[in-house]
C-alpha atoms as a PDB file:
ATOM      1  CA  MET A   1     182.903-143.978-134.553  1.00  0.00           C
ATOM      2  CA  ASN A   2     185.339-146.653-133.465  1.00  0.00           C
ATOM      3  CA  VAL A   3     184.274-149.793-131.718  1.00  0.00           C
ATOM      4  CA  GLY A   4     184.630-149.322-127.976  1.00  0.00           C
ATOM      5  CA  SER A   5     184.592-145.506-128.157  1.00  0.00           C
ATOM      6  CA  THR A   6     182.076-143.318-126.300  1.00  0.00           C
ATOM      7  CA  PRO A   7     180.977-139.876-127.571  1.00  0.00           C
ATOM      8  CA  LYS A   8     181.500-137.313-124.820  1.00  0.00           C
ATOM      9  CA  VAL A   9     179.804-133.894-124.899  1.00  0.00           C
ATOM     10  CA  ASN A  10     180.941-130.974-122.740  1.00  0.00           C
ATOM     11  CA  ILE A  11     178.246-128.276-122.445  1.00  0.00           C
ATOM     12  CA  LEU A  12     179.068-124.867-120.926  1.00  0.00           C
ATOM     13  CA  LEU A  13     176.073-123.171-119.271  1.00  0.00           C
ATOM     14  CA  GLN A  14     175.949-119.499-118.288  1.00  0.00           C
ATOM     15  CA  LYS A  15     173.682-118.310-115.472  1.00  0.00           C
ATOM     16  CA  ASN A  16     171.488-115.228-116.077  1.00  0.00           C
ATOM     17  CA  PHE A  17     169.640-113.341-113.339  1.00  0.00           C
ATOM     18  CA  ILE A  18     166.436-111.383-114.043  1.00  0.00           C
ATOM     19  CA  TYR A  19     165.349-108.463-111.866  1.00  0.00           C
ATOM     20  CA  SER A  20     162.155-106.671-112.833  1.00  0.00           C
ATOM     21  CA  TYR A  21     160.490-103.654-111.225  1.00  0.00           C
ATOM     22  CA  ASP A  22     156.996-103.561-112.755  1.00  0.00           C
ATOM     23  CA  LYS A  23     154.999-101.572-110.202  1.00  0.00           C
ATOM     24  CA  TRP A  24     153.164 -98.538-111.539  1.00  0.00           C
ATOM     25  CA  PHE A  25     153.127 -96.530-108.334  1.00  0.00           C
ATOM     26  CA  LEU A  26     156.401 -97.189-106.512  1.00  0.00           C
ATOM     27  CA  ASN A  27     159.309 -99.053-108.104  1.00  0.00           C
ATOM     28  CA  VAL A  28     160.847-100.015-104.785  1.00  0.00           C
ATOM     29  CA  PHE A  29     159.901-103.684-104.558  1.00  0.00           C
ATOM     30  CA  LEU A  30     160.906-106.419-106.983  1.00  0.00           C
ATOM     31  CA  SER A  31     158.066-107.989-108.920  1.00  0.00           C
ATOM     32  CA  VAL A  32     160.145-110.718-110.623  1.00  0.00           C
ATOM     33  CA  ASN A  33     163.372-112.227-109.326  1.00  0.00           C
ATOM     34  CA  ASP A  34     164.423-115.316-111.292  1.00  0.00           C
ATOM     35  CA  TYR A  35     167.302-116.928-113.155  1.00  0.00           C
ATOM     36  CA  PHE A  36     167.842-119.049-116.255  1.00  0.00           C
ATOM     37  CA  PHE A  37     170.742-120.705-118.074  1.00  0.00           C
ATOM     38  CA  THR A  38     171.934-120.126-121.626  1.00  0.00           C
ATOM     39  CA  LEU A  39     174.030-122.513-123.656  1.00  0.00           C
ATOM     40  CA  GLY A  40     177.591-121.458-124.203  1.00  0.00           C
ATOM     41  CA  GLU A  41     180.150-123.690-125.903  1.00  0.00           C
ATOM     42  CA  ILE A  42     179.370-127.251-126.841  1.00  0.00           C
ATOM     43  CA  LEU A  43     182.483-129.388-127.265  1.00  0.00           C
ATOM     44  CA  MET A  44     182.125-132.868-128.678  1.00  0.00           C
ATOM     45  CA  GLU A  45     184.931-135.354-128.367  1.00  0.00           C
ATOM     46  CA  THR A  46     185.333-139.074-128.603  1.00  0.00           C
ATOM     47  CA  VAL A  47     186.836-140.984-125.701  1.00  0.00           C
ATOM     48  CA  SER A  48     188.061-144.525-126.184  1.00  0.00           C
ATOM     49  CA  ASP A  49     186.976-146.680-123.280  1.00  0.00           C
ATOM     50  CA  ARG A  50     187.782-150.310-123.987  1.00  0.00           C
ATOM     51  CA  PHE A  51     186.872-151.441-120.505  1.00  0.00           C
ATOM     52  CA  ASP A  52     183.528-149.612-120.107  1.00  0.00           C
ATOM     53  CA  ALA A  53     180.841-151.177-122.290  1.00  0.00           C
ATOM     54  CA  VAL A  54     177.930-149.672-120.271  1.00  0.00           C
ATOM     55  CA  ASN A  55     178.376-146.010-121.273  1.00  0.00           C
ATOM     56  CA  VAL A  56     176.878-145.300-124.660  1.00  0.00           C
ATOM     57  CA  PHE A  57     176.794-141.507-124.395  1.00  0.00           C
ATOM     58  CA  SER A  58     178.417-139.184-121.843  1.00  0.00           C
ATOM     59  CA  THR A  59     177.391-135.566-121.147  1.00  0.00           C
ATOM     60  CA  ILE A  60     179.153-133.194-118.757  1.00  0.00           C
ATOM     61  CA  TYR A  61     177.588-129.823-117.848  1.00  0.00           C
ATOM     62  CA  TRP A  62     179.882-126.995-116.777  1.00  0.00           C
ATOM     63  CA  ILE A  63     178.649-123.721-115.273  1.00  0.00           C
ATOM     64  CA  HIS A  64     180.465-120.617-116.436  1.00  0.00           C
ATOM     65  CA  PRO A  65     181.873-118.540-113.527  1.00  0.00           C
ATOM     66  CA  GLN A  66     180.630-115.245-115.042  1.00  0.00           C
ATOM     67  CA  ILE A  67     176.989-114.352-114.314  1.00  0.00           C
ATOM     68  CA  ILE A  68     174.953-111.986-116.498  1.00  0.00           C
ATOM     69  CA  THR A  69     172.370-109.762-114.786  1.00  0.00           C
ATOM     70  CA  HIS A  70     169.326-108.403-116.641  1.00  0.00           C
ATOM     71  CA  GLU A  71     167.354-105.583-114.999  1.00  0.00           C
ATOM     72  CA  ARG A  72     164.150-103.933-116.194  1.00  0.00           C
ATOM     73  CA  GLN A  73     162.429-100.985-114.573  1.00  0.00           C
ATOM     74  CA  VAL A  74     159.082 -99.582-115.668  1.00  0.00           C
ATOM     75  CA  TYR A  75     158.634 -95.801-115.803  1.00  0.00           C
ATOM     76  CA  SER A  76     156.061 -95.101-113.075  1.00  0.00           C
ATOM     77  CA  PHE A  77     153.815 -92.207-112.084  1.00  0.00           C
ATOM     78  CA  VAL A  78     156.272 -91.195-109.339  1.00  0.00           C
ATOM     79  CA  ASN A  79     159.088 -90.955-111.902  1.00  0.00           C
ATOM     80  CA  MET A  80     156.834 -88.865-114.149  1.00  0.00           C
ATOM     81  CA  GLY A  81     156.121 -86.536-111.203  1.00  0.00           C
ATOM     82  CA  GLU A  82     159.839 -86.171-110.560  1.00  0.00           C
ATOM     83  CA  GLU A  83     160.390 -85.218-114.199  1.00  0.00           C
ATOM     84  CA  LEU A  84     157.531 -82.710-114.130  1.00  0.00           C
ATOM     85  CA  GLY A  85     158.860 -81.277-110.867  1.00  0.00           C
ATOM     86  CA  GLY A  86     162.151 -80.502-112.588  1.00  0.00           C
ATOM     87  CA  ILE A  87     160.359 -78.842-115.503  1.00  0.00           C
ATOM     88  CA  ILE A  88     158.159 -76.800-113.165  1.00  0.00           C
ATOM     89  CA  GLU A  89     161.239 -75.623-111.248  1.00  0.00           C
ATOM     90  CA  ILE A  90     162.850 -74.394-114.484  1.00  0.00           C
ATOM     91  CA  MET A  91     159.641 -72.539-115.403  1.00  0.00           C
ATOM     92  CA  VAL A  92     159.551 -70.889-111.957  1.00  0.00           C
ATOM     93  CA  VAL A  93     163.137 -69.656-112.391  1.00  0.00           C
ATOM     94  CA  PHE A  94     162.349 -68.142-115.816  1.00  0.00           C
ATOM     95  CA  CYS A  95     159.152 -66.486-114.534  1.00  0.00           C
ATOM     96  CA  SER A  96     160.998 -65.045-111.536  1.00  0.00           C
ATOM     97  CA  ILE A  97     163.501 -63.401-113.893  1.00  0.00           C
ATOM     98  CA  PHE A  98     160.640 -61.522-115.585  1.00  0.00           C
ATOM     99  CA  VAL A  99     158.821 -60.660-112.343  1.00  0.00           C
ATOM    100  CA  LEU A 100     161.935 -59.474-110.447  1.00  0.00           C
ATOM    101  CA  PRO A 101     161.958 -55.836-111.778  1.00  0.00           C
ATOM    102  CA  ILE A 102     158.261 -55.370-110.968  1.00  0.00           C
ATOM    103  CA  SER A 103     158.762 -56.830-107.516  1.00  0.00           C
ATOM    104  CA  THR A 104     161.743 -54.579-106.706  1.00  0.00           C
ATOM    105  CA  PHE A 105     159.867 -51.475-107.905  1.00  0.00           C
ATOM    106  CA  SER A 106     156.859 -52.387-105.753  1.00  0.00           C
ATOM    107  CA  PHE A 107     159.083 -52.977-102.722  1.00  0.00           C
ATOM    108  CA  LYS A 108     160.890 -49.654-103.119  1.00  0.00           C
ATOM    109  CA  LEU A 109     157.610 -47.782-103.548  1.00  0.00           C
ATOM    110  CA  LYS A 110     156.149 -49.319-100.403  1.00  0.00           C
ATOM    111  CA  ALA A 111     159.384 -48.689 -98.445  1.00  0.00           C
ATOM    112  CA  ILE A 112     159.403 -44.999 -99.450  1.00  0.00           C
ATOM    113  CA  ARG A 113     155.730 -44.664 -98.496  1.00  0.00           C
ATOM    114  CA  ASN A 114     156.393 -46.196 -95.063  1.00  0.00           C
ATOM    115  CA  LEU A 115     159.568 -44.147 -94.579  1.00  0.00           C
ATOM    116  CA  PHE A 116     157.734 -40.858 -94.835  1.00  0.00           C
ATOM    117  CA  PHE A 117     154.708 -41.937 -92.825  1.00  0.00           C
ATOM    118  CA  VAL A 118     154.417 -39.648 -89.791  1.00  0.00           C
ATOM    119  CA  ARG A 119     152.652 -40.530 -86.573  1.00  0.00           C
ATOM    120  CA  THR A 120     151.666 -37.496 -84.601  1.00  0.00           C
ATOM    121  CA  SER A 121     148.814 -36.206 -82.507  1.00  0.00           C
ATOM    122  CA  GLN A 122     148.973 -32.734 -84.089  1.00  0.00           C
ATOM    123  CA  ARG A 123     146.426 -32.465 -86.868  1.00  0.00           C
ATOM    124  CA  ASN A 124     147.826 -29.361 -88.544  1.00  0.00           C
ATOM    125  CA  LEU A 125     151.460 -30.510 -88.809  1.00  0.00           C
ATOM    126  CA  LEU A 126     151.228 -31.826 -92.400  1.00  0.00           C
ATOM    127  CA  MET A 127     148.528 -29.478 -93.725  1.00  0.00           C
ATOM    128  CA  LYS A 128     148.888 -28.000 -97.205  1.00  0.00           C
ATOM    129  CA  ALA A 129     149.976 -24.370 -97.365  1.00  0.00           C
ATOM    130  CA  LYS A 130     147.233 -21.889 -98.322  1.00  0.00           C
END
Protein backbone atom coordinates (compact mmCIF):
# COMPACT_ATOMS: atom_id res chain seq x y z
CA MET A 1 0.00 0.00 0.00
CA ASN A 2 1.35 3.39 -0.98
CA VAL A 3 1.72 6.22 1.46
CA GLY A 4 -1.33 8.45 1.25
CA SER A 5 -3.54 5.78 -0.35
CA THR A 6 -6.85 4.59 1.15
CA PRO A 7 -8.23 1.07 0.58
CA LYS A 8 -11.78 1.33 -0.75
CA VAL A 9 -14.19 -1.63 -0.68
CA ASN A 10 -17.37 -1.76 -2.76
CA ILE A 11 -19.84 -4.37 -1.45
CA LEU A 12 -22.91 -5.35 -3.51
CA LEU A 13 -25.86 -6.52 -1.39
CA GLN A 14 -28.89 -8.38 -2.75
CA LYS A 15 -32.25 -8.19 -0.97
CA ASN A 16 -34.16 -11.45 -0.35
CA PHE A 17 -37.80 -11.63 0.75
CA ILE A 18 -39.17 -14.58 2.75
CA TYR A 19 -42.85 -15.52 2.67
CA SER A 20 -43.92 -18.53 4.72
CA TYR A 21 -47.35 -20.12 5.08
CA ASP A 22 -47.01 -22.47 8.06
CA LYS A 23 -50.61 -22.88 9.23
CA TRP A 24 -51.86 -26.45 9.49
CA PHE A 25 -55.53 -25.73 8.94
CA LEU A 26 -55.79 -22.90 6.42
CA ASN A 27 -52.80 -21.60 4.45
CA VAL A 28 -54.39 -18.24 3.74
CA PHE A 29 -52.52 -16.00 6.17
CA LEU A 30 -48.78 -15.38 6.22
CA SER A 31 -46.97 -16.64 9.29
CA VAL A 32 -43.55 -15.15 8.43
CA ASN A 33 -42.90 -12.10 6.26
CA ASP A 34 -39.28 -10.93 6.46
CA TYR A 35 -36.25 -9.99 4.39
CA PHE A 36 -32.48 -10.38 4.54
CA PHE A 37 -29.45 -9.37 2.48
CA THR A 38 -26.85 -11.61 0.87
CA LEU A 39 -23.38 -10.55 -0.18
CA GLY A 40 -22.84 -10.29 -3.89
CA GLU A 41 -19.62 -8.95 -5.39
CA ILE A 42 -16.89 -7.47 -3.26
CA LEU A 43 -14.58 -5.17 -5.20
CA MET A 44 -11.45 -3.89 -3.52
CA GLU A 45 -9.54 -0.99 -4.97
CA THR A 46 -6.99 1.48 -3.78
CA VAL A 47 -7.69 5.19 -4.09
CA SER A 48 -4.88 7.69 -3.73
CA ASP A 49 -6.00 10.60 -1.60
CA ARG A 50 -3.06 12.86 -0.85
CA PHE A 51 -5.20 15.53 0.74
CA ASP A 52 -7.36 13.33 3.01
CA ALA A 53 -5.33 11.96 5.92
CA VAL A 54 -8.42 11.18 8.07
CA ASN A 55 -9.81 8.26 6.04
CA VAL A 56 -8.01 5.04 6.81
CA PHE A 57 -10.56 2.65 5.30
CA SER A 58 -13.56 3.36 3.06
CA THR A 59 -16.54 1.01 2.52
CA ILE A 60 -19.42 1.63 0.12
CA TYR A 61 -22.52 -0.61 0.18
CA TRP A 62 -24.57 -0.95 -3.00
CA ILE A 63 -27.99 -2.61 -3.15
CA HIS A 64 -28.62 -4.76 -6.20
CA PRO A 65 -31.79 -3.74 -8.11
CA GLN A 66 -32.93 -7.38 -8.50
CA ILE A 67 -34.83 -8.85 -5.54
CA ILE A 68 -35.07 -12.60 -4.88
CA THR A 69 -38.30 -13.93 -3.35
CA HIS A 70 -38.39 -17.17 -1.33
CA GLU A 71 -41.80 -18.72 -0.61
CA ARG A 72 -42.61 -21.78 1.48
CA GLN A 73 -46.03 -23.34 1.92
CA VAL A 74 -46.79 -26.22 4.26
CA TYR A 75 -49.11 -29.00 3.05
CA SER A 76 -52.17 -28.66 5.30
CA PHE A 77 -55.19 -30.78 6.18
CA VAL A 78 -57.35 -28.77 3.76
CA ASN A 79 -54.94 -29.54 0.91
CA MET A 80 -55.01 -33.22 1.87
CA GLY A 81 -58.83 -33.13 1.77
CA GLU A 82 -58.73 -31.58 -1.68
CA GLU A 83 -56.44 -34.36 -2.88
CA LEU A 84 -58.65 -37.05 -1.36
CA GLY A 85 -61.72 -35.40 -2.90
CA GLY A 86 -60.17 -35.81 -6.34
CA ILE A 87 -59.37 -39.46 -5.66
CA ILE A 88 -62.88 -40.13 -4.35
CA GLU A 89 -64.38 -38.53 -7.47
CA ILE A 90 -62.33 -40.84 -9.71
CA MET A 91 -63.47 -43.86 -7.67
CA VAL A 92 -67.12 -42.77 -8.01
CA VAL A 93 -66.76 -42.54 -11.80
CA PHE A 94 -65.26 -46.05 -12.01
CA CYS A 95 -67.95 -47.52 -9.72
CA SER A 96 -70.71 -45.85 -11.75
CA ILE A 97 -69.38 -47.54 -14.90
CA PHE A 98 -69.88 -50.95 -13.25
CA VAL A 99 -73.26 -50.11 -11.71
CA LEU A 100 -74.75 -48.51 -14.87
CA PRO A 101 -75.97 -51.79 -16.54
CA ILE A 102 -77.68 -52.95 -13.33
CA SER A 103 -79.29 -49.56 -12.88
CA THR A 104 -80.63 -49.43 -16.46
CA PHE A 105 -82.04 -52.97 -16.18
CA SER A 106 -83.77 -52.09 -12.90
CA PHE A 107 -85.22 -48.91 -14.41
CA LYS A 108 -86.56 -50.71 -17.48
CA LEU A 109 -88.10 -53.45 -15.34
CA LYS A 110 -89.87 -50.94 -13.12
CA ALA A 111 -91.03 -48.89 -16.14
CA ILE A 112 -92.53 -51.99 -17.80
CA ARG A 113 -94.26 -52.96 -14.55
CA ASN A 114 -95.78 -49.47 -14.22
CA LEU A 115 -96.71 -49.35 -17.91
CA PHE A 116 -98.94 -52.38 -17.67
CA PHE A 117 -100.46 -51.49 -14.32
CA VAL A 118 -104.23 -51.16 -14.77
CA ARG A 119 -106.52 -49.15 -12.54
CA THR A 120 -110.09 -50.26 -12.77
CA SER A 121 -113.09 -50.83 -10.57
CA GLN A 122 -113.99 -54.11 -12.32
CA ARG A 123 -112.60 -57.03 -10.36
CA ASN A 124 -112.93 -59.66 -13.08
CA LEU A 125 -111.23 -57.71 -15.89
CA LEU A 126 -107.75 -59.25 -15.42
CA MET A 127 -108.78 -62.67 -14.09
CA LYS A 128 -106.97 -65.77 -15.33
CA ALA A 129 -108.84 -67.89 -17.86
CA LYS A 130 -110.23 -71.18 -16.51
